[in-house]
PDB file of N, CA and C in Angstrom:
ATOM      1  N   UNK A   1       6.159  -9.024  32.475  1.00  0.00           N
ATOM      2  CA  UNK A   1       5.337  -8.467  31.298  1.00  0.00           C
ATOM      3  C   UNK A   1       5.598  -9.505  29.998  1.00  0.00           C
ATOM      4  N   UNK A   2       6.982  -9.760  29.879  1.00  0.00           N
ATOM      5  CA  UNK A   2       7.167 -10.569  28.625  1.00  0.00           C
ATOM      6  C   UNK A   2       6.636 -11.851  28.608  1.00  0.00           C
ATOM      7  N   UNK A   3       6.469 -12.628  29.758  1.00  0.00           N
ATOM      8  CA  UNK A   3       5.906 -13.926  29.706  1.00  0.00           C
ATOM      9  C   UNK A   3       4.526 -13.853  29.507  1.00  0.00           C
ATOM     10  N   UNK A   4       3.788 -12.818  29.919  1.00  0.00           N
ATOM     11  CA  UNK A   4       2.391 -12.648  29.596  1.00  0.00           C
ATOM     12  C   UNK A   4       2.240 -12.341  28.087  1.00  0.00           C
ATOM     13  N   UNK A   5       3.009 -11.561  27.406  1.00  0.00           N
ATOM     14  CA  UNK A   5       2.944 -11.286  26.085  1.00  0.00           C
ATOM     15  C   UNK A   5       3.139 -12.660  25.161  1.00  0.00           C
ATOM     16  N   UNK A   6       4.240 -13.387  25.751  1.00  0.00           N
ATOM     17  CA  UNK A   6       4.623 -14.639  25.027  1.00  0.00           C
ATOM     18  C   UNK A   6       3.454 -15.632  25.176  1.00  0.00           C
ATOM     19  N   UNK A   7       2.734 -15.623  26.218  1.00  0.00           N
ATOM     20  CA  UNK A   7       1.715 -16.481  26.472  1.00  0.00           C
ATOM     21  C   UNK A   7       0.454 -16.167  25.471  1.00  0.00           C
ATOM     22  N   UNK A   8       0.297 -14.894  25.401  1.00  0.00           N
ATOM     23  CA  UNK A   8      -0.809 -14.376  24.474  1.00  0.00           C
ATOM     24  C   UNK A   8      -0.425 -14.814  23.175  1.00  0.00           C
ATOM     25  N   UNK A   9       0.734 -14.556  22.701  1.00  0.00           N
ATOM     26  CA  UNK A   9       1.106 -14.972  21.269  1.00  0.00           C
ATOM     27  C   UNK A   9       1.081 -16.425  21.026  1.00  0.00           C
ATOM     28  N   UNK A  10       1.486 -17.171  21.927  1.00  0.00           N
ATOM     29  CA  UNK A  10       1.405 -18.623  21.832  1.00  0.00           C
ATOM     30  C   UNK A  10      -0.003 -19.035  21.807  1.00  0.00           C
ATOM     31  N   UNK A  11      -0.938 -18.559  22.673  1.00  0.00           N
ATOM     32  CA  UNK A  11      -2.359 -18.968  22.513  1.00  0.00           C
ATOM     33  C   UNK A  11      -2.853 -18.528  21.311  1.00  0.00           C
ATOM     34  N   UNK A  12      -2.495 -17.436  20.744  1.00  0.00           N
ATOM     35  CA  UNK A  12      -3.048 -16.926  19.474  1.00  0.00           C
ATOM     36  C   UNK A  12      -2.545 -17.783  18.309  1.00  0.00           C
ATOM     37  N   UNK A  13      -1.302 -18.080  18.322  1.00  0.00           N
ATOM     38  CA  UNK A  13      -0.830 -18.972  17.210  1.00  0.00           C
ATOM     39  C   UNK A  13      -1.398 -20.386  17.245  1.00  0.00           C
ATOM     40  N   UNK A  14      -1.466 -20.928  18.543  1.00  0.00           N
ATOM     41  CA  UNK A  14      -2.109 -22.268  18.662  1.00  0.00           C
ATOM     42  C   UNK A  14      -3.487 -22.279  18.199  1.00  0.00           C
ATOM     43  N   UNK A  15      -4.287 -21.316  18.550  1.00  0.00           N
ATOM     44  CA  UNK A  15      -5.671 -21.346  18.104  1.00  0.00           C
ATOM     45  C   UNK A  15      -5.802 -21.094  16.592  1.00  0.00           C
ATOM     46  N   UNK A  16      -4.934 -20.409  16.000  1.00  0.00           N
ATOM     47  CA  UNK A  16      -5.139 -20.249  14.499  1.00  0.00           C
ATOM     48  C   UNK A  16      -4.440 -21.498  13.793  1.00  0.00           C
ATOM     49  N   UNK A  17      -3.490 -22.232  14.534  1.00  0.00           N
ATOM     50  CA  UNK A  17      -3.032 -23.378  13.945  1.00  0.00           C
ATOM     51  C   UNK A  17      -4.029 -24.566  13.874  1.00  0.00           C
ATOM     52  N   UNK A  18      -4.872 -24.469  14.800  1.00  0.00           N
ATOM     53  CA  UNK A  18      -5.839 -25.531  14.874  1.00  0.00           C
ATOM     54  C   UNK A  18      -6.955 -25.314  13.830  1.00  0.00           C
ATOM     55  N   UNK A  19      -7.326 -24.120  13.705  1.00  0.00           N
ATOM     56  CA  UNK A  19      -8.169 -23.717  12.498  1.00  0.00           C
ATOM     57  C   UNK A  19      -7.742 -23.953  11.176  1.00  0.00           C
ATOM     58  N   UNK A  20      -6.374 -23.942  10.985  1.00  0.00           N
ATOM     59  CA  UNK A  20      -5.744 -24.074   9.620  1.00  0.00           C
ATOM     60  C   UNK A  20      -5.463 -25.609   9.346  1.00  0.00           C
ATOM     61  N   UNK A  21      -5.865 -26.496  10.325  1.00  0.00           N
ATOM     62  CA  UNK A  21      -5.442 -27.923   9.956  1.00  0.00           C
ATOM     63  C   UNK A  21      -6.516 -28.485   8.818  1.00  0.00           C
ATOM     64  N   UNK A  22      -5.763 -29.145   8.017  1.00  0.00           N
ATOM     65  CA  UNK A  22      -6.516 -29.655   6.852  1.00  0.00           C
ATOM     66  C   UNK A  22      -7.186 -31.002   7.383  1.00  0.00           C
ATOM     67  N   UNK A  23      -8.240 -31.199   6.716  1.00  0.00           N
ATOM     68  CA  UNK A  23      -9.106 -32.445   7.063  1.00  0.00           C
ATOM     69  C   UNK A  23      -8.260 -33.551   6.260  1.00  0.00           C
ATOM     70  N   UNK A  24      -8.203 -34.620   7.026  1.00  0.00           N
ATOM     71  CA  UNK A  24      -7.362 -35.843   6.477  1.00  0.00           C
ATOM     72  C   UNK A  24      -8.043 -36.540   5.412  1.00  0.00           C
ATOM     73  N   UNK A  25      -9.285 -36.361   5.119  1.00  0.00           N
ATOM     74  CA  UNK A  25      -9.837 -37.087   4.013  1.00  0.00           C
ATOM     75  C   UNK A  25     -10.489 -36.048   2.953  1.00  0.00           C
ATOM     76  N   UNK A  26      -9.652 -34.962   2.772  1.00  0.00           N
ATOM     77  CA  UNK A  26     -10.221 -34.051   1.861  1.00  0.00           C
ATOM     78  C   UNK A  26     -10.043 -34.614   0.305  1.00  0.00           C
ATOM     79  N   UNK A  27      -9.201 -35.595   0.104  1.00  0.00           N
ATOM     80  CA  UNK A  27      -8.965 -36.159  -1.296  1.00  0.00           C
ATOM     81  C   UNK A  27     -10.281 -36.939  -1.562  1.00  0.00           C
ATOM     82  N   UNK A  28     -11.027 -37.448  -0.601  1.00  0.00           N
ATOM     83  CA  UNK A  28     -12.322 -38.140  -1.057  1.00  0.00           C
ATOM     84  C   UNK A  28     -13.244 -37.222  -1.705  1.00  0.00           C
ATOM     85  N   UNK A  29     -13.202 -35.894  -1.332  1.00  0.00           N
ATOM     86  CA  UNK A  29     -14.158 -34.892  -1.896  1.00  0.00           C
ATOM     87  C   UNK A  29     -13.530 -34.283  -3.110  1.00  0.00           C
ATOM     88  N   UNK A  30     -12.211 -34.433  -3.567  1.00  0.00           N
ATOM     89  CA  UNK A  30     -11.637 -33.789  -4.632  1.00  0.00           C
ATOM     90  C   UNK A  30     -12.109 -34.435  -5.877  1.00  0.00           C
ATOM     91  N   UNK A  31     -12.679 -33.587  -6.805  1.00  0.00           N
ATOM     92  CA  UNK A  31     -13.260 -34.121  -8.007  1.00  0.00           C
ATOM     93  C   UNK A  31     -12.262 -33.982  -9.140  1.00  0.00           C
ATOM     94  N   UNK A  32     -11.135 -33.272  -9.095  1.00  0.00           N
ATOM     95  CA  UNK A  32     -10.290 -32.939 -10.196  1.00  0.00           C
ATOM     96  C   UNK A  32      -9.024 -33.832 -10.267  1.00  0.00           C
ATOM     97  N   UNK A  33      -8.528 -34.264  -9.229  1.00  0.00           N
ATOM     98  CA  UNK A  33      -7.268 -35.023  -9.141  1.00  0.00           C
ATOM     99  C   UNK A  33      -7.548 -36.196  -8.326  1.00  0.00           C
ATOM    100  N   UNK A  34      -6.646 -37.269  -8.574  1.00  0.00           N
ATOM    101  CA  UNK A  34      -6.806 -38.595  -7.591  1.00  0.00           C
ATOM    102  C   UNK A  34      -5.685 -38.413  -6.790  1.00  0.00           C
ATOM    103  N   UNK A  35      -5.735 -39.191  -5.721  1.00  0.00           N
ATOM    104  CA  UNK A  35      -4.450 -39.383  -4.951  1.00  0.00           C
ATOM    105  C   UNK A  35      -3.265 -39.697  -5.465  1.00  0.00           C
ATOM    106  N   UNK A  36      -3.268 -40.498  -6.639  1.00  0.00           N
ATOM    107  CA  UNK A  36      -2.060 -40.868  -7.343  1.00  0.00           C
ATOM    108  C   UNK A  36      -1.559 -39.681  -7.912  1.00  0.00           C
ATOM    109  N   UNK A  37      -2.403 -38.828  -8.517  1.00  0.00           N
ATOM    110  CA  UNK A  37      -1.990 -37.532  -9.275  1.00  0.00           C
ATOM    111  C   UNK A  37      -1.209 -36.606  -8.301  1.00  0.00           C
ATOM    112  N   UNK A  38      -1.835 -36.635  -7.069  1.00  0.00           N
ATOM    113  CA  UNK A  38      -1.298 -35.837  -6.011  1.00  0.00           C
ATOM    114  C   UNK A  38       0.134 -36.307  -5.663  1.00  0.00           C
ATOM    115  N   UNK A  39       0.269 -37.531  -5.614  1.00  0.00           N
ATOM    116  CA  UNK A  39       1.504 -38.142  -5.195  1.00  0.00           C
ATOM    117  C   UNK A  39       2.521 -37.756  -6.311  1.00  0.00           C
ATOM    118  N   UNK A  40       2.205 -37.810  -7.497  1.00  0.00           N
ATOM    119  CA  UNK A  40       3.124 -37.469  -8.661  1.00  0.00           C
ATOM    120  C   UNK A  40       3.583 -35.926  -8.386  1.00  0.00           C
ATOM    121  N   UNK A  41       2.641 -35.077  -8.174  1.00  0.00           N
ATOM    122  CA  UNK A  41       2.998 -33.667  -7.954  1.00  0.00           C
ATOM    123  C   UNK A  41       3.940 -33.639  -6.768  1.00  0.00           C
ATOM    124  N   UNK A  42       3.583 -34.167  -5.608  1.00  0.00           N
ATOM    125  CA  UNK A  42       4.426 -34.197  -4.357  1.00  0.00           C
ATOM    126  C   UNK A  42       5.803 -34.528  -4.652  1.00  0.00           C
ATOM    127  N   UNK A  43       5.884 -35.657  -5.425  1.00  0.00           N
ATOM    128  CA  UNK A  43       7.189 -36.334  -5.767  1.00  0.00           C
ATOM    129  C   UNK A  43       8.020 -35.328  -6.593  1.00  0.00           C
ATOM    130  N   UNK A  44       7.297 -34.641  -7.556  1.00  0.00           N
ATOM    131  CA  UNK A  44       7.953 -33.678  -8.498  1.00  0.00           C
ATOM    132  C   UNK A  44       8.517 -32.370  -7.597  1.00  0.00           C
ATOM    133  N   UNK A  45       7.711 -32.068  -6.772  1.00  0.00           N
ATOM    134  CA  UNK A  45       8.045 -30.891  -5.763  1.00  0.00           C
ATOM    135  C   UNK A  45       9.299 -31.321  -4.955  1.00  0.00           C
ATOM    136  N   UNK A  46       9.322 -32.450  -4.462  1.00  0.00           N
ATOM    137  CA  UNK A  46      10.464 -32.957  -3.734  1.00  0.00           C
ATOM    138  C   UNK A  46      11.817 -32.987  -4.693  1.00  0.00           C
ATOM    139  N   UNK A  47      11.603 -33.377  -5.874  1.00  0.00           N
ATOM    140  CA  UNK A  47      12.740 -33.448  -6.825  1.00  0.00           C
ATOM    141  C   UNK A  47      13.169 -31.954  -7.188  1.00  0.00           C
ATOM    142  N   UNK A  48      12.319 -31.029  -7.301  1.00  0.00           N
ATOM    143  CA  UNK A  48      12.745 -29.639  -7.558  1.00  0.00           C
ATOM    144  C   UNK A  48      13.302 -29.073  -6.295  1.00  0.00           C
ATOM    145  N   UNK A  49      12.827 -29.450  -5.151  1.00  0.00           N
ATOM    146  CA  UNK A  49      13.441 -28.929  -3.966  1.00  0.00           C
ATOM    147  C   UNK A  49      14.981 -29.481  -3.737  1.00  0.00           C
ATOM    148  N   UNK A  50      15.182 -30.866  -4.256  1.00  0.00           N
ATOM    149  CA  UNK A  50      16.455 -31.249  -4.150  1.00  0.00           C
ATOM    150  C   UNK A  50      17.262 -30.680  -5.069  1.00  0.00           C
ATOM    151  N   UNK A  51      16.826 -30.494  -6.446  1.00  0.00           N
ATOM    152  CA  UNK A  51      17.581 -29.792  -7.459  1.00  0.00           C
ATOM    153  C   UNK A  51      18.171 -28.432  -7.082  1.00  0.00           C
ATOM    154  N   UNK A  52      17.253 -27.688  -6.531  1.00  0.00           N
ATOM    155  CA  UNK A  52      17.587 -26.290  -6.128  1.00  0.00           C
ATOM    156  C   UNK A  52      18.002 -26.091  -4.865  1.00  0.00           C
ATOM    157  N   UNK A  53      18.281 -27.295  -4.067  1.00  0.00           N
ATOM    158  CA  UNK A  53      18.876 -27.171  -2.802  1.00  0.00           C
ATOM    159  C   UNK A  53      18.063 -26.352  -1.884  1.00  0.00           C
ATOM    160  N   UNK A  54      16.713 -26.593  -1.993  1.00  0.00           N
ATOM    161  CA  UNK A  54      15.919 -25.799  -0.995  1.00  0.00           C
ATOM    162  C   UNK A  54      15.731 -26.493   0.338  1.00  0.00           C
ATOM    163  N   UNK A  55      15.430 -25.674   1.303  1.00  0.00           N
ATOM    164  CA  UNK A  55      15.378 -26.373   2.750  1.00  0.00           C
ATOM    165  C   UNK A  55      14.001 -27.228   2.699  1.00  0.00           C
ATOM    166  N   UNK A  56      14.264 -28.213   3.610  1.00  0.00           N
ATOM    167  CA  UNK A  56      12.938 -29.063   3.658  1.00  0.00           C
ATOM    168  C   UNK A  56      11.591 -28.319   4.028  1.00  0.00           C
ATOM    169  N   UNK A  57      11.856 -27.288   4.823  1.00  0.00           N
ATOM    170  CA  UNK A  57      10.605 -26.683   5.275  1.00  0.00           C
ATOM    171  C   UNK A  57       9.983 -25.883   4.124  1.00  0.00           C
ATOM    172  N   UNK A  58      10.775 -25.406   3.110  1.00  0.00           N
ATOM    173  CA  UNK A  58      10.291 -24.670   1.911  1.00  0.00           C
ATOM    174  C   UNK A  58       9.469 -25.729   1.125  1.00  0.00           C
ATOM    175  N   UNK A  59       9.919 -26.995   0.958  1.00  0.00           N
ATOM    176  CA  UNK A  59       9.239 -27.801   0.104  1.00  0.00           C
ATOM    177  C   UNK A  59       7.949 -28.353   0.916  1.00  0.00           C
ATOM    178  N   UNK A  60       8.064 -28.423   2.120  1.00  0.00           N
ATOM    179  CA  UNK A  60       6.856 -28.787   3.026  1.00  0.00           C
ATOM    180  C   UNK A  60       5.805 -27.685   2.901  1.00  0.00           C
ATOM    181  N   UNK A  61       6.210 -26.342   2.961  1.00  0.00           N
ATOM    182  CA  UNK A  61       5.364 -25.323   2.760  1.00  0.00           C
ATOM    183  C   UNK A  61       4.706 -25.492   1.239  1.00  0.00           C
ATOM    184  N   UNK A  62       5.348 -25.707   0.340  1.00  0.00           N
ATOM    185  CA  UNK A  62       4.873 -25.770  -1.116  1.00  0.00           C
ATOM    186  C   UNK A  62       3.814 -26.942  -1.038  1.00  0.00           C
ATOM    187  N   UNK A  63       4.144 -28.067  -0.462  1.00  0.00           N
ATOM    188  CA  UNK A  63       3.097 -29.149  -0.404  1.00  0.00           C
ATOM    189  C   UNK A  63       1.812 -28.828   0.409  1.00  0.00           C
ATOM    190  N   UNK A  64       2.083 -28.033   1.572  1.00  0.00           N
ATOM    191  CA  UNK A  64       0.915 -27.680   2.230  1.00  0.00           C
ATOM    192  C   UNK A  64       0.143 -26.726   1.368  1.00  0.00           C
ATOM    193  N   UNK A  65       0.752 -25.715   0.715  1.00  0.00           N
ATOM    194  CA  UNK A  65       0.020 -24.813  -0.138  1.00  0.00           C
ATOM    195  C   UNK A  65      -0.923 -25.631  -1.140  1.00  0.00           C
ATOM    196  N   UNK A  66      -0.201 -26.585  -1.804  1.00  0.00           N
ATOM    197  CA  UNK A  66      -0.976 -27.215  -2.767  1.00  0.00           C
ATOM    198  C   UNK A  66      -2.206 -27.975  -2.184  1.00  0.00           C
ATOM    199  N   UNK A  67      -2.033 -28.570  -0.986  1.00  0.00           N
ATOM    200  CA  UNK A  67      -3.170 -29.205  -0.254  1.00  0.00           C
ATOM    201  C   UNK A  67      -4.161 -28.265   0.100  1.00  0.00           C
ATOM    202  N   UNK A  68      -3.890 -27.089   0.504  1.00  0.00           N
ATOM    203  CA  UNK A  68      -4.891 -26.103   0.893  1.00  0.00           C
ATOM    204  C   UNK A  68      -5.685 -25.671  -0.389  1.00  0.00           C
ATOM    205  N   UNK A  69      -5.004 -25.568  -1.555  1.00  0.00           N
ATOM    206  CA  UNK A  69      -5.654 -25.188  -2.719  1.00  0.00           C
ATOM    207  C   UNK A  69      -6.490 -26.273  -3.013  1.00  0.00           C
ATOM    208  N   UNK A  70      -6.235 -27.553  -2.969  1.00  0.00           N
ATOM    209  CA  UNK A  70      -6.936 -28.589  -3.312  1.00  0.00           C
ATOM    210  C   UNK A  70      -8.309 -28.759  -2.491  1.00  0.00           C
ATOM    211  N   UNK A  71      -8.145 -28.316  -1.171  1.00  0.00           N
ATOM    212  CA  UNK A  71      -9.384 -28.370  -0.472  1.00  0.00           C
ATOM    213  C   UNK A  71     -10.253 -27.247  -0.802  1.00  0.00           C
ATOM    214  N   UNK A  72      -9.897 -26.282  -1.569  1.00  0.00           N
ATOM    215  CA  UNK A  72     -10.895 -25.181  -2.212  1.00  0.00           C
ATOM    216  C   UNK A  72     -11.535 -25.571  -3.366  1.00  0.00           C
ATOM    217  N   UNK A  73     -10.989 -26.398  -3.980  1.00  0.00           N
ATOM    218  CA  UNK A  73     -11.437 -26.731  -5.505  1.00  0.00           C
ATOM    219  C   UNK A  73     -12.500 -27.830  -5.484  1.00  0.00           C
TER     220      UNK A  73
END
């Protein structure tokens, strides 16, 4: 029974992960910031992560959050 539940959970997560993928060219449609501005922001986020000794996954999530917000603007 556990393997069937695990398979169901995996397929659920995999289907939602595919839906959550960001378009690789979303910056072409971004009217408010340039790719250079995004690079400055990402670099700053990385510096903050280093300064506060955050896990790499935390910084990656922050960058992902920024990218998701930029696709909505």
